[in-house]
Amino acid sequence: MTKPYIIGVAGGSGSGKTYFARELQQVLGNEVCEILYQDNYYIDQSHRFDGDGGAVNFDHPSSLDFDLMASGLSQLKLGKNIEVPLYDFATHKRISKTITCGPKKIILVDGILILDSSVVRAQLDEAIFFDTPEELRYQRRLDRDVHERGRTPEGVKKQFDFQVRPMHDQFVQPSKAFAQTIVKDLGEYSDTLKIFIKRLEQK
């Protein structure tokens, strides 16, 4: 069995990291590449949720079960399947259904806070960080949360101002120091994608 090569794909919310990870997976093929999303590892917040843009801070590291993610990555390295949890953003519950993830050659770990977590970092072979201007990140997050997660523009703005921006400055941006590749994303990262594809295909 080929040991999975694990790449962290990090950056702020709306930085372009998820689009990059999905494009990379599409080129490499689903048989070769799997994506593990930080968003699946939220701790159940249903008992604390008090409204759109409320008090629950989803951008603080404590809102995520990084120990479970790190344990899963360790199991994948051993050639074992793992059960990835599912988080429902409408009810803010971790639902009972899971997704089975297998040890493919390339595992991409996508998330804003993955490089802040020492236990997750320990499982990565390398990391890439998308360093994207705040205005572009906010606009992308607004579009996603309103259209995909049923949020209100007012709630998204409130959350961005009181949680997303402060947490980005405190935890996400400093974690850039742990990445081997920094991408200055202005909506175009095709050159970086080509470089990664070429290098990973050689592996």
N, C-alpha and C. Protein backbone atom coordinates (compact mmCIF):
# COMPACT_ATOMS: atom_id res chain seq x y z
N MET A 1 0.83 -1.20 0.00
CA MET A 1 0.00 0.00 0.00
C MET A 1 0.87 1.26 0.00
N THR A 2 0.51 2.24 -0.84
CA THR A 2 1.20 3.52 -0.86
C THR A 2 0.70 4.38 0.29
N LYS A 3 1.62 4.89 1.08
CA LYS A 3 1.24 5.75 2.20
C LYS A 3 0.69 7.06 1.66
N PRO A 4 -0.47 7.49 2.14
CA PRO A 4 -1.05 8.75 1.65
C PRO A 4 -0.10 9.93 1.88
N TYR A 5 -0.09 10.83 0.91
CA TYR A 5 0.65 12.08 1.04
C TYR A 5 -0.38 13.14 1.41
N ILE A 6 -0.21 13.77 2.58
CA ILE A 6 -1.25 14.64 3.13
C ILE A 6 -0.83 16.10 3.03
N ILE A 7 -1.68 16.89 2.38
CA ILE A 7 -1.40 18.31 2.15
C ILE A 7 -2.47 19.16 2.82
N GLY A 8 -2.05 20.08 3.67
CA GLY A 8 -2.97 21.03 4.26
C GLY A 8 -3.21 22.19 3.31
N VAL A 9 -4.47 22.54 3.10
CA VAL A 9 -4.83 23.66 2.24
C VAL A 9 -5.56 24.67 3.13
N ALA A 10 -4.87 25.74 3.51
CA ALA A 10 -5.38 26.66 4.52
C ALA A 10 -5.49 28.08 3.97
N GLY A 11 -6.00 28.97 4.83
CA GLY A 11 -6.23 30.36 4.47
C GLY A 11 -7.54 30.81 5.08
N GLY A 12 -7.81 32.09 5.02
CA GLY A 12 -9.03 32.62 5.62
C GLY A 12 -10.29 32.15 4.92
N SER A 13 -11.42 32.36 5.59
CA SER A 13 -12.71 32.04 4.99
C SER A 13 -12.90 32.86 3.72
N GLY A 14 -13.17 32.19 2.61
CA GLY A 14 -13.33 32.88 1.33
C GLY A 14 -12.01 33.16 0.63
N SER A 15 -10.95 32.50 1.06
CA SER A 15 -9.62 32.78 0.49
C SER A 15 -9.39 32.11 -0.85
N GLY A 16 -10.23 31.14 -1.20
CA GLY A 16 -10.02 30.40 -2.45
C GLY A 16 -9.47 29.01 -2.26
N LYS A 17 -9.20 28.64 -0.99
CA LYS A 17 -8.57 27.36 -0.72
C LYS A 17 -9.43 26.17 -1.14
N THR A 18 -10.75 26.25 -0.89
CA THR A 18 -11.63 25.12 -1.21
C THR A 18 -11.75 24.93 -2.72
N TYR A 19 -11.86 26.02 -3.45
CA TYR A 19 -11.91 25.92 -4.91
C TYR A 19 -10.63 25.30 -5.44
N PHE A 20 -9.51 25.70 -4.87
CA PHE A 20 -8.22 25.15 -5.27
C PHE A 20 -8.17 23.65 -5.00
N ALA A 21 -8.59 23.25 -3.79
CA ALA A 21 -8.57 21.83 -3.43
C ALA A 21 -9.46 21.02 -4.36
N ARG A 22 -10.64 21.53 -4.67
CA ARG A 22 -11.56 20.80 -5.53
C ARG A 22 -11.06 20.70 -6.97
N GLU A 23 -10.44 21.77 -7.45
CA GLU A 23 -9.86 21.73 -8.80
C GLU A 23 -8.71 20.74 -8.86
N LEU A 24 -7.90 20.73 -7.81
CA LEU A 24 -6.77 19.80 -7.75
C LEU A 24 -7.28 18.36 -7.73
N GLN A 25 -8.31 18.10 -6.94
CA GLN A 25 -8.90 16.77 -6.89
C GLN A 25 -9.48 16.36 -8.24
N GLN A 26 -10.14 17.31 -8.91
CA GLN A 26 -10.75 17.01 -10.21
C GLN A 26 -9.70 16.61 -11.24
N VAL A 27 -8.57 17.30 -11.22
CA VAL A 27 -7.50 16.99 -12.18
C VAL A 27 -6.83 15.66 -11.85
N LEU A 28 -6.54 15.44 -10.57
CA LEU A 28 -5.86 14.20 -10.16
C LEU A 28 -6.77 12.99 -10.24
N GLY A 29 -8.09 13.23 -10.04
CA GLY A 29 -9.07 12.13 -10.10
C GLY A 29 -9.48 11.67 -8.71
N ASN A 30 -10.75 11.32 -8.58
CA ASN A 30 -11.28 10.88 -7.28
C ASN A 30 -10.66 9.57 -6.79
N GLU A 31 -10.12 8.78 -7.72
CA GLU A 31 -9.51 7.50 -7.31
C GLU A 31 -8.18 7.74 -6.61
N VAL A 32 -7.56 8.88 -6.91
CA VAL A 32 -6.23 9.19 -6.40
C VAL A 32 -6.28 10.16 -5.22
N CYS A 33 -7.25 11.08 -5.26
CA CYS A 33 -7.25 12.21 -4.33
C CYS A 33 -8.56 12.32 -3.55
N GLU A 34 -8.45 12.55 -2.25
CA GLU A 34 -9.59 12.75 -1.37
C GLU A 34 -9.42 14.07 -0.64
N ILE A 35 -10.55 14.75 -0.33
CA ILE A 35 -10.50 15.98 0.45
C ILE A 35 -11.18 15.75 1.80
N LEU A 36 -10.49 16.14 2.85
CA LEU A 36 -11.04 16.10 4.20
C LEU A 36 -11.31 17.55 4.62
N TYR A 37 -12.57 17.85 4.90
CA TYR A 37 -12.95 19.24 5.18
C TYR A 37 -13.04 19.52 6.69
N GLN A 38 -12.43 20.63 7.10
CA GLN A 38 -12.54 21.07 8.49
C GLN A 38 -14.00 21.24 8.89
N ASP A 39 -14.84 21.72 7.97
CA ASP A 39 -16.25 21.99 8.27
C ASP A 39 -17.00 20.78 8.79
N ASN A 40 -16.51 19.58 8.48
CA ASN A 40 -17.18 18.36 8.97
C ASN A 40 -16.91 18.13 10.46
N TYR A 41 -15.93 18.82 11.00
CA TYR A 41 -15.48 18.51 12.35
C TYR A 41 -15.92 19.53 13.40
N TYR A 42 -16.97 20.29 13.09
CA TYR A 42 -17.52 21.18 14.12
C TYR A 42 -18.12 20.38 15.26
N ILE A 43 -17.92 20.87 16.47
CA ILE A 43 -18.56 20.30 17.65
C ILE A 43 -20.02 20.73 17.64
N ASP A 44 -20.92 19.85 18.08
CA ASP A 44 -22.35 20.18 18.11
C ASP A 44 -22.57 21.48 18.89
N GLN A 45 -23.18 22.46 18.21
CA GLN A 45 -23.40 23.77 18.82
C GLN A 45 -24.89 24.09 18.98
N SER A 46 -25.75 23.11 18.77
CA SER A 46 -27.20 23.37 18.74
C SER A 46 -27.73 23.92 20.07
N HIS A 47 -27.14 23.47 21.19
CA HIS A 47 -27.62 23.91 22.50
C HIS A 47 -27.20 25.33 22.83
N ARG A 48 -26.24 25.87 22.06
CA ARG A 48 -25.73 27.21 22.33
C ARG A 48 -26.12 28.23 21.27
N PHE A 49 -26.60 27.74 20.13
CA PHE A 49 -26.88 28.65 19.01
C PHE A 49 -28.05 29.58 19.36
N ASP A 50 -27.83 30.87 19.20
CA ASP A 50 -28.84 31.85 19.59
C ASP A 50 -29.20 32.82 18.46
N GLY A 51 -29.09 32.33 17.24
CA GLY A 51 -29.51 33.16 16.11
C GLY A 51 -28.39 33.45 15.15
N ASP A 52 -28.77 33.83 13.94
CA ASP A 52 -27.83 34.13 12.88
C ASP A 52 -26.91 35.27 13.28
N GLY A 53 -25.59 35.01 13.26
CA GLY A 53 -24.64 36.03 13.67
C GLY A 53 -24.61 36.23 15.18
N GLY A 54 -25.03 35.19 15.91
CA GLY A 54 -25.13 35.28 17.37
C GLY A 54 -23.83 35.04 18.09
N ALA A 55 -23.95 34.52 19.32
CA ALA A 55 -22.80 34.45 20.23
C ALA A 55 -21.85 33.29 19.94
N VAL A 56 -22.33 32.23 19.28
CA VAL A 56 -21.46 31.08 19.04
C VAL A 56 -20.37 31.48 18.04
N ASN A 57 -19.13 31.30 18.46
CA ASN A 57 -18.00 31.69 17.61
C ASN A 57 -17.49 30.48 16.83
N PHE A 58 -17.93 30.37 15.58
CA PHE A 58 -17.55 29.23 14.74
C PHE A 58 -16.15 29.36 14.17
N ASP A 59 -15.51 30.50 14.40
CA ASP A 59 -14.18 30.74 13.85
C ASP A 59 -13.08 30.62 14.90
N HIS A 60 -13.46 30.19 16.10
CA HIS A 60 -12.47 29.95 17.16
C HIS A 60 -12.07 28.48 17.12
N PRO A 61 -10.79 28.17 17.33
CA PRO A 61 -10.34 26.77 17.29
C PRO A 61 -11.12 25.83 18.21
N SER A 62 -11.65 26.35 19.31
CA SER A 62 -12.36 25.50 20.27
C SER A 62 -13.69 24.98 19.73
N SER A 63 -14.16 25.52 18.62
CA SER A 63 -15.43 25.07 18.03
C SER A 63 -15.26 23.81 17.19
N LEU A 64 -14.02 23.34 17.06
CA LEU A 64 -13.72 22.23 16.15
C LEU A 64 -13.05 21.07 16.89
N ASP A 65 -13.34 19.86 16.41
CA ASP A 65 -12.80 18.65 17.02
C ASP A 65 -11.54 18.23 16.24
N PHE A 66 -10.45 18.96 16.49
CA PHE A 66 -9.22 18.68 15.76
C PHE A 66 -8.55 17.39 16.21
N ASP A 67 -8.82 16.96 17.43
CA ASP A 67 -8.28 15.67 17.88
C ASP A 67 -8.84 14.54 17.03
N LEU A 68 -10.13 14.61 16.73
CA LEU A 68 -10.76 13.59 15.90
C LEU A 68 -10.21 13.63 14.47
N MET A 69 -10.02 14.83 13.95
CA MET A 69 -9.45 14.96 12.60
C MET A 69 -8.03 14.39 12.54
N ALA A 70 -7.21 14.73 13.53
CA ALA A 70 -5.84 14.24 13.56
C ALA A 70 -5.79 12.73 13.70
N SER A 71 -6.67 12.19 14.53
CA SER A 71 -6.76 10.74 14.70
C SER A 71 -7.14 10.07 13.38
N GLY A 72 -8.08 10.68 12.66
CA GLY A 72 -8.48 10.14 11.36
C GLY A 72 -7.34 10.15 10.36
N LEU A 73 -6.60 11.24 10.32
CA LEU A 73 -5.45 11.32 9.39
C LEU A 73 -4.41 10.25 9.73
N SER A 74 -4.21 10.02 11.03
CA SER A 74 -3.28 8.98 11.46
C SER A 74 -3.73 7.60 10.99
N GLN A 75 -5.04 7.35 11.08
CA GLN A 75 -5.59 6.07 10.63
C GLN A 75 -5.45 5.91 9.11
N LEU A 76 -5.66 6.99 8.37
CA LEU A 76 -5.50 6.94 6.92
C LEU A 76 -4.07 6.60 6.54
N LYS A 77 -3.13 7.14 7.30
CA LYS A 77 -1.71 6.84 7.04
C LYS A 77 -1.39 5.36 7.24
N LEU A 78 -2.19 4.73 8.11
CA LEU A 78 -1.99 3.30 8.38
C LEU A 78 -2.75 2.43 7.37
N GLY A 79 -3.40 3.08 6.40
CA GLY A 79 -4.13 2.34 5.38
C GLY A 79 -5.54 1.95 5.77
N LYS A 80 -6.08 2.58 6.79
CA LYS A 80 -7.42 2.24 7.28
C LYS A 80 -8.46 3.26 6.82
N ASN A 81 -9.68 2.79 6.62
CA ASN A 81 -10.80 3.70 6.35
C ASN A 81 -11.19 4.42 7.63
N ILE A 82 -11.74 5.63 7.48
CA ILE A 82 -12.27 6.35 8.64
C ILE A 82 -13.69 6.81 8.35
N GLU A 83 -14.43 7.07 9.41
CA GLU A 83 -15.77 7.62 9.28
C GLU A 83 -15.73 9.12 9.60
N VAL A 84 -15.99 9.93 8.59
CA VAL A 84 -15.94 11.38 8.74
C VAL A 84 -17.31 11.89 9.19
N PRO A 85 -17.35 12.68 10.26
CA PRO A 85 -18.65 13.18 10.74
C PRO A 85 -19.28 14.16 9.76
N LEU A 86 -20.57 14.37 9.93
CA LEU A 86 -21.32 15.34 9.12
C LEU A 86 -21.94 16.38 10.04
N TYR A 87 -21.76 17.64 9.69
CA TYR A 87 -22.31 18.74 10.48
C TYR A 87 -23.39 19.44 9.68
N ASP A 88 -24.54 19.63 10.29
CA ASP A 88 -25.67 20.28 9.63
C ASP A 88 -25.69 21.76 10.02
N PHE A 89 -25.38 22.63 9.05
CA PHE A 89 -25.28 24.06 9.34
C PHE A 89 -26.65 24.72 9.54
N ALA A 90 -27.71 24.02 9.21
CA ALA A 90 -29.05 24.57 9.44
C ALA A 90 -29.48 24.40 10.90
N THR A 91 -29.14 23.22 11.47
CA THR A 91 -29.54 22.93 12.86
C THR A 91 -28.37 23.04 13.84
N HIS A 92 -27.15 23.14 13.29
CA HIS A 92 -25.92 23.20 14.09
C HIS A 92 -25.73 21.95 14.94
N LYS A 93 -26.11 20.82 14.35
CA LYS A 93 -25.91 19.53 15.00
C LYS A 93 -24.98 18.65 14.18
N ARG A 94 -24.25 17.81 14.88
CA ARG A 94 -23.50 16.74 14.21
C ARG A 94 -24.47 15.58 14.05
N ILE A 95 -24.79 15.25 12.82
CA ILE A 95 -25.80 14.22 12.58
C ILE A 95 -25.19 12.82 12.68
N SER A 96 -26.06 11.82 12.81
CA SER A 96 -25.58 10.45 13.06
C SER A 96 -24.92 9.82 11.83
N LYS A 97 -25.32 10.26 10.65
CA LYS A 97 -24.74 9.73 9.42
C LYS A 97 -23.29 10.19 9.27
N THR A 98 -22.43 9.33 8.72
CA THR A 98 -21.03 9.67 8.48
C THR A 98 -20.66 9.38 7.03
N ILE A 99 -19.49 9.84 6.61
CA ILE A 99 -18.96 9.56 5.27
C ILE A 99 -17.72 8.69 5.43
N THR A 100 -17.66 7.59 4.71
CA THR A 100 -16.47 6.74 4.76
C THR A 100 -15.40 7.33 3.85
N CYS A 101 -14.21 7.49 4.40
CA CYS A 101 -13.08 8.05 3.65
C CYS A 101 -11.94 7.04 3.67
N GLY A 102 -11.40 6.74 2.50
CA GLY A 102 -10.33 5.75 2.40
C GLY A 102 -8.97 6.38 2.20
N PRO A 103 -7.91 5.59 2.39
CA PRO A 103 -6.53 6.08 2.31
C PRO A 103 -6.03 6.21 0.87
N LYS A 104 -6.44 7.24 0.18
CA LYS A 104 -6.00 7.45 -1.21
C LYS A 104 -4.59 8.04 -1.24
N LYS A 105 -3.99 8.06 -2.42
CA LYS A 105 -2.59 8.49 -2.54
C LYS A 105 -2.37 9.93 -2.07
N ILE A 106 -3.33 10.80 -2.40
CA ILE A 106 -3.24 12.20 -2.00
C ILE A 106 -4.45 12.54 -1.13
N ILE A 107 -4.20 13.06 0.07
CA ILE A 107 -5.28 13.54 0.95
C ILE A 107 -5.09 15.04 1.12
N LEU A 108 -6.10 15.82 0.72
CA LEU A 108 -6.07 17.26 0.93
C LEU A 108 -6.90 17.58 2.16
N VAL A 109 -6.34 18.36 3.08
CA VAL A 109 -7.06 18.75 4.30
C VAL A 109 -7.38 20.23 4.17
N ASP A 110 -8.67 20.55 4.05
CA ASP A 110 -9.13 21.91 3.76
C ASP A 110 -9.70 22.56 5.02
N GLY A 111 -9.21 23.75 5.38
CA GLY A 111 -9.78 24.44 6.53
C GLY A 111 -9.03 25.69 6.92
N ILE A 112 -9.75 26.63 7.52
CA ILE A 112 -9.14 27.91 7.88
C ILE A 112 -8.19 27.77 9.07
N LEU A 113 -8.45 26.81 9.95
CA LEU A 113 -7.70 26.73 11.20
C LEU A 113 -6.81 25.49 11.32
N ILE A 114 -6.69 24.73 10.25
CA ILE A 114 -5.94 23.46 10.35
C ILE A 114 -4.47 23.67 10.70
N LEU A 115 -3.88 24.80 10.27
CA LEU A 115 -2.47 25.03 10.57
C LEU A 115 -2.27 25.62 11.96
N ASP A 116 -3.36 26.06 12.59
CA ASP A 116 -3.28 26.53 13.97
C ASP A 116 -3.23 25.34 14.93
N SER A 117 -3.73 24.19 14.48
CA SER A 117 -3.80 23.00 15.33
C SER A 117 -2.50 22.19 15.24
N SER A 118 -1.80 22.08 16.35
CA SER A 118 -0.52 21.34 16.36
C SER A 118 -0.73 19.86 16.07
N VAL A 119 -1.86 19.29 16.53
CA VAL A 119 -2.08 17.85 16.32
C VAL A 119 -2.38 17.56 14.84
N VAL A 120 -3.07 18.47 14.17
CA VAL A 120 -3.32 18.28 12.74
C VAL A 120 -2.04 18.54 11.95
N ARG A 121 -1.32 19.60 12.30
CA ARG A 121 -0.05 19.91 11.60
C ARG A 121 0.90 18.73 11.63
N ALA A 122 0.90 18.01 12.74
CA ALA A 122 1.82 16.87 12.89
C ALA A 122 1.54 15.77 11.88
N GLN A 123 0.32 15.73 11.33
CA GLN A 123 -0.06 14.69 10.37
C GLN A 123 0.17 15.12 8.92
N LEU A 124 0.48 16.40 8.70
CA LEU A 124 0.63 16.91 7.33
C LEU A 124 2.04 16.68 6.80
N ASP A 125 2.12 16.39 5.51
CA ASP A 125 3.42 16.30 4.84
C ASP A 125 3.87 17.66 4.33
N GLU A 126 2.91 18.49 3.98
CA GLU A 126 3.21 19.87 3.59
C GLU A 126 1.93 20.68 3.66
N ALA A 127 2.06 22.01 3.54
CA ALA A 127 0.89 22.87 3.62
C ALA A 127 1.02 24.05 2.67
N ILE A 128 -0.14 24.49 2.18
CA ILE A 128 -0.24 25.66 1.32
C ILE A 128 -1.22 26.63 1.98
N PHE A 129 -0.92 27.92 1.93
CA PHE A 129 -1.75 28.93 2.56
C PHE A 129 -2.14 29.98 1.54
N PHE A 130 -3.46 30.26 1.46
CA PHE A 130 -3.96 31.28 0.55
C PHE A 130 -4.09 32.61 1.30
N ASP A 131 -3.24 33.54 0.94
CA ASP A 131 -3.19 34.85 1.59
C ASP A 131 -3.96 35.84 0.73
N THR A 132 -5.24 36.02 1.05
CA THR A 132 -6.19 36.72 0.19
C THR A 132 -6.69 38.00 0.86
N PRO A 133 -6.83 39.09 0.12
CA PRO A 133 -7.31 40.35 0.70
C PRO A 133 -8.67 40.19 1.37
N GLU A 134 -8.86 40.93 2.47
CA GLU A 134 -10.08 40.80 3.27
C GLU A 134 -11.35 41.10 2.47
N GLU A 135 -11.32 42.11 1.64
CA GLU A 135 -12.51 42.50 0.88
C GLU A 135 -13.00 41.36 -0.01
N LEU A 136 -12.07 40.68 -0.67
CA LEU A 136 -12.42 39.56 -1.53
C LEU A 136 -12.92 38.38 -0.71
N ARG A 137 -12.30 38.12 0.45
CA ARG A 137 -12.73 37.03 1.32
C ARG A 137 -14.15 37.26 1.84
N TYR A 138 -14.42 38.50 2.23
CA TYR A 138 -15.76 38.81 2.75
C TYR A 138 -16.83 38.63 1.68
N GLN A 139 -16.58 39.10 0.48
CA GLN A 139 -17.58 39.00 -0.58
C GLN A 139 -17.88 37.54 -0.92
N ARG A 140 -16.86 36.72 -0.95
CA ARG A 140 -17.05 35.29 -1.22
C ARG A 140 -17.83 34.61 -0.10
N ARG A 141 -17.50 34.97 1.15
CA ARG A 141 -18.20 34.37 2.29
C ARG A 141 -19.67 34.79 2.29
N LEU A 142 -19.93 36.05 1.99
CA LEU A 142 -21.30 36.56 1.92
C LEU A 142 -22.10 35.78 0.89
N ASP A 143 -21.54 35.61 -0.29
CA ASP A 143 -22.24 34.87 -1.36
C ASP A 143 -22.51 33.43 -0.95
N ARG A 144 -21.51 32.78 -0.36
CA ARG A 144 -21.67 31.37 0.04
C ARG A 144 -22.70 31.20 1.14
N ASP A 145 -22.59 32.00 2.20
CA ASP A 145 -23.47 31.81 3.36
C ASP A 145 -24.92 32.14 3.05
N VAL A 146 -25.16 33.13 2.21
CA VAL A 146 -26.53 33.49 1.85
C VAL A 146 -27.15 32.45 0.92
N HIS A 147 -26.39 32.03 -0.08
CA HIS A 147 -26.95 31.13 -1.10
C HIS A 147 -26.88 29.65 -0.73
N GLU A 148 -25.88 29.26 0.07
CA GLU A 148 -25.71 27.84 0.36
C GLU A 148 -26.12 27.46 1.78
N ARG A 149 -26.11 28.42 2.70
CA ARG A 149 -26.35 28.08 4.10
C ARG A 149 -27.56 28.80 4.69
N GLY A 150 -28.33 29.46 3.84
CA GLY A 150 -29.57 30.08 4.30
C GLY A 150 -29.40 31.22 5.27
N ARG A 151 -28.26 31.89 5.22
CA ARG A 151 -27.97 32.99 6.14
C ARG A 151 -28.55 34.30 5.60
N THR A 152 -28.67 35.28 6.48
CA THR A 152 -29.07 36.62 6.05
C THR A 152 -27.82 37.48 5.86
N PRO A 153 -27.84 38.44 4.91
CA PRO A 153 -26.68 39.31 4.72
C PRO A 153 -26.30 40.04 6.01
N GLU A 154 -27.31 40.44 6.81
CA GLU A 154 -27.04 41.15 8.05
C GLU A 154 -26.31 40.26 9.05
N GLY A 155 -26.77 39.00 9.14
CA GLY A 155 -26.13 38.05 10.04
C GLY A 155 -24.70 37.75 9.63
N VAL A 156 -24.47 37.63 8.32
CA VAL A 156 -23.13 37.35 7.81
C VAL A 156 -22.19 38.51 8.12
N LYS A 157 -22.69 39.74 7.91
CA LYS A 157 -21.86 40.93 8.17
C LYS A 157 -21.52 41.03 9.66
N LYS A 158 -22.52 40.81 10.50
CA LYS A 158 -22.30 40.88 11.95
C LYS A 158 -21.28 39.84 12.39
N GLN A 159 -21.43 38.63 11.87
CA GLN A 159 -20.50 37.56 12.24
C GLN A 159 -19.09 37.87 11.75
N PHE A 160 -18.99 38.43 10.54
CA PHE A 160 -17.67 38.74 9.99
C PHE A 160 -16.97 39.79 10.84
N ASP A 161 -17.72 40.83 11.23
CA ASP A 161 -17.13 41.93 11.99
C ASP A 161 -16.73 41.53 13.41
N PHE A 162 -17.57 40.70 14.04
CA PHE A 162 -17.35 40.39 15.46
C PHE A 162 -16.60 39.08 15.70
N GLN A 163 -16.59 38.20 14.71
CA GLN A 163 -15.95 36.90 14.91
C GLN A 163 -14.92 36.57 13.84
N VAL A 164 -15.34 36.61 12.58
CA VAL A 164 -14.46 36.15 11.50
C VAL A 164 -13.18 36.96 11.42
N ARG A 165 -13.31 38.29 11.36
CA ARG A 165 -12.12 39.14 11.24
C ARG A 165 -11.20 39.01 12.46
N PRO A 166 -11.72 39.13 13.69
CA PRO A 166 -10.83 39.00 14.86
C PRO A 166 -10.14 37.63 14.94
N MET A 167 -10.89 36.57 14.63
CA MET A 167 -10.32 35.22 14.69
C MET A 167 -9.30 35.01 13.57
N HIS A 168 -9.57 35.60 12.43
CA HIS A 168 -8.60 35.52 11.32
C HIS A 168 -7.29 36.17 11.73
N ASP A 169 -7.39 37.36 12.33
CA ASP A 169 -6.18 38.08 12.73
C ASP A 169 -5.44 37.37 13.86
N GLN A 170 -6.20 36.73 14.76
CA GLN A 170 -5.57 36.10 15.93
C GLN A 170 -5.03 34.70 15.64
N PHE A 171 -5.76 33.92 14.84
CA PHE A 171 -5.38 32.51 14.66
C PHE A 171 -5.00 32.13 13.22
N VAL A 172 -5.81 32.58 12.26
CA VAL A 172 -5.61 32.11 10.88
C VAL A 172 -4.36 32.71 10.24
N GLN A 173 -4.29 34.04 10.21
CA GLN A 173 -3.15 34.69 9.54
C GLN A 173 -1.80 34.29 10.14
N PRO A 174 -1.66 34.24 11.48
CA PRO A 174 -0.37 33.81 12.03
C PRO A 174 0.02 32.38 11.64
N SER A 175 -0.98 31.52 11.36
CA SER A 175 -0.68 30.12 11.02
C SER A 175 -0.03 30.00 9.64
N LYS A 176 -0.02 31.08 8.89
CA LYS A 176 0.67 31.11 7.59
C LYS A 176 2.13 30.72 7.74
N ALA A 177 2.69 30.97 8.91
CA ALA A 177 4.10 30.68 9.16
C ALA A 177 4.41 29.19 9.03
N PHE A 178 3.39 28.34 9.15
CA PHE A 178 3.61 26.89 9.09
C PHE A 178 3.47 26.32 7.68
N ALA A 179 3.17 27.18 6.70
CA ALA A 179 2.98 26.71 5.31
C ALA A 179 4.28 26.81 4.52
N GLN A 180 4.49 25.83 3.66
CA GLN A 180 5.67 25.85 2.79
C GLN A 180 5.43 26.67 1.52
N THR A 181 4.16 26.79 1.13
CA THR A 181 3.79 27.54 -0.07
C THR A 181 2.76 28.59 0.30
N ILE A 182 2.99 29.85 -0.08
CA ILE A 182 2.05 30.94 0.15
C ILE A 182 1.53 31.41 -1.20
N VAL A 183 0.21 31.48 -1.33
CA VAL A 183 -0.39 31.95 -2.58
C VAL A 183 -1.10 33.27 -2.32
N LYS A 184 -0.72 34.29 -3.05
CA LYS A 184 -1.40 35.59 -2.98
C LYS A 184 -2.55 35.52 -3.98
N ASP A 185 -3.74 35.20 -3.48
CA ASP A 185 -4.88 34.95 -4.38
C ASP A 185 -5.66 36.22 -4.65
N LEU A 186 -5.70 36.60 -5.90
CA LEU A 186 -6.54 37.71 -6.34
C LEU A 186 -7.59 37.18 -7.30
N GLY A 187 -7.99 35.94 -7.09
CA GLY A 187 -8.98 35.31 -7.94
C GLY A 187 -8.37 34.47 -9.05
N GLU A 188 -7.04 34.36 -9.06
CA GLU A 188 -6.35 33.62 -10.12
C GLU A 188 -5.17 32.87 -9.52
N TYR A 189 -5.21 31.54 -9.58
CA TYR A 189 -4.11 30.76 -9.03
C TYR A 189 -3.78 29.56 -9.93
N SER A 190 -4.01 29.73 -11.23
CA SER A 190 -3.81 28.61 -12.17
C SER A 190 -2.36 28.17 -12.22
N ASP A 191 -1.42 29.11 -12.06
CA ASP A 191 0.00 28.73 -12.11
C ASP A 191 0.36 27.83 -10.94
N THR A 192 -0.15 28.18 -9.76
CA THR A 192 0.09 27.35 -8.57
C THR A 192 -0.51 25.97 -8.76
N LEU A 193 -1.72 25.92 -9.33
CA LEU A 193 -2.39 24.65 -9.58
C LEU A 193 -1.55 23.78 -10.51
N LYS A 194 -1.02 24.35 -11.57
CA LYS A 194 -0.20 23.60 -12.53
C LYS A 194 1.05 23.04 -11.87
N ILE A 195 1.66 23.85 -11.02
CA ILE A 195 2.88 23.41 -10.33
C ILE A 195 2.58 22.22 -9.42
N PHE A 196 1.50 22.32 -8.65
CA PHE A 196 1.13 21.23 -7.74
C PHE A 196 0.75 19.97 -8.50
N ILE A 197 0.00 20.11 -9.58
CA ILE A 197 -0.41 18.95 -10.38
C ILE A 197 0.82 18.22 -10.91
N LYS A 198 1.74 18.98 -11.47
CA LYS A 198 2.95 18.37 -12.04
C LYS A 198 3.74 17.64 -10.98
N ARG A 199 3.90 18.27 -9.81
CA ARG A 199 4.70 17.67 -8.75
C ARG A 199 4.03 16.44 -8.15
N LEU A 200 2.70 16.51 -7.96
CA LEU A 200 1.98 15.39 -7.36
C LEU A 200 1.86 14.21 -8.31
N GLU A 201 1.75 14.50 -9.60
CA GLU A 201 1.69 13.39 -10.58
C GLU A 201 2.99 12.62 -10.60
N GLN A 202 4.08 13.30 -10.29
CA GLN A 202 5.38 12.63 -10.24
C GLN A 202 5.51 11.72 -9.03
N LYS A 203 4.70 12.01 -7.99
CA LYS A 203 4.71 11.17 -6.79
C LYS A 203 3.99 9.86 -7.03
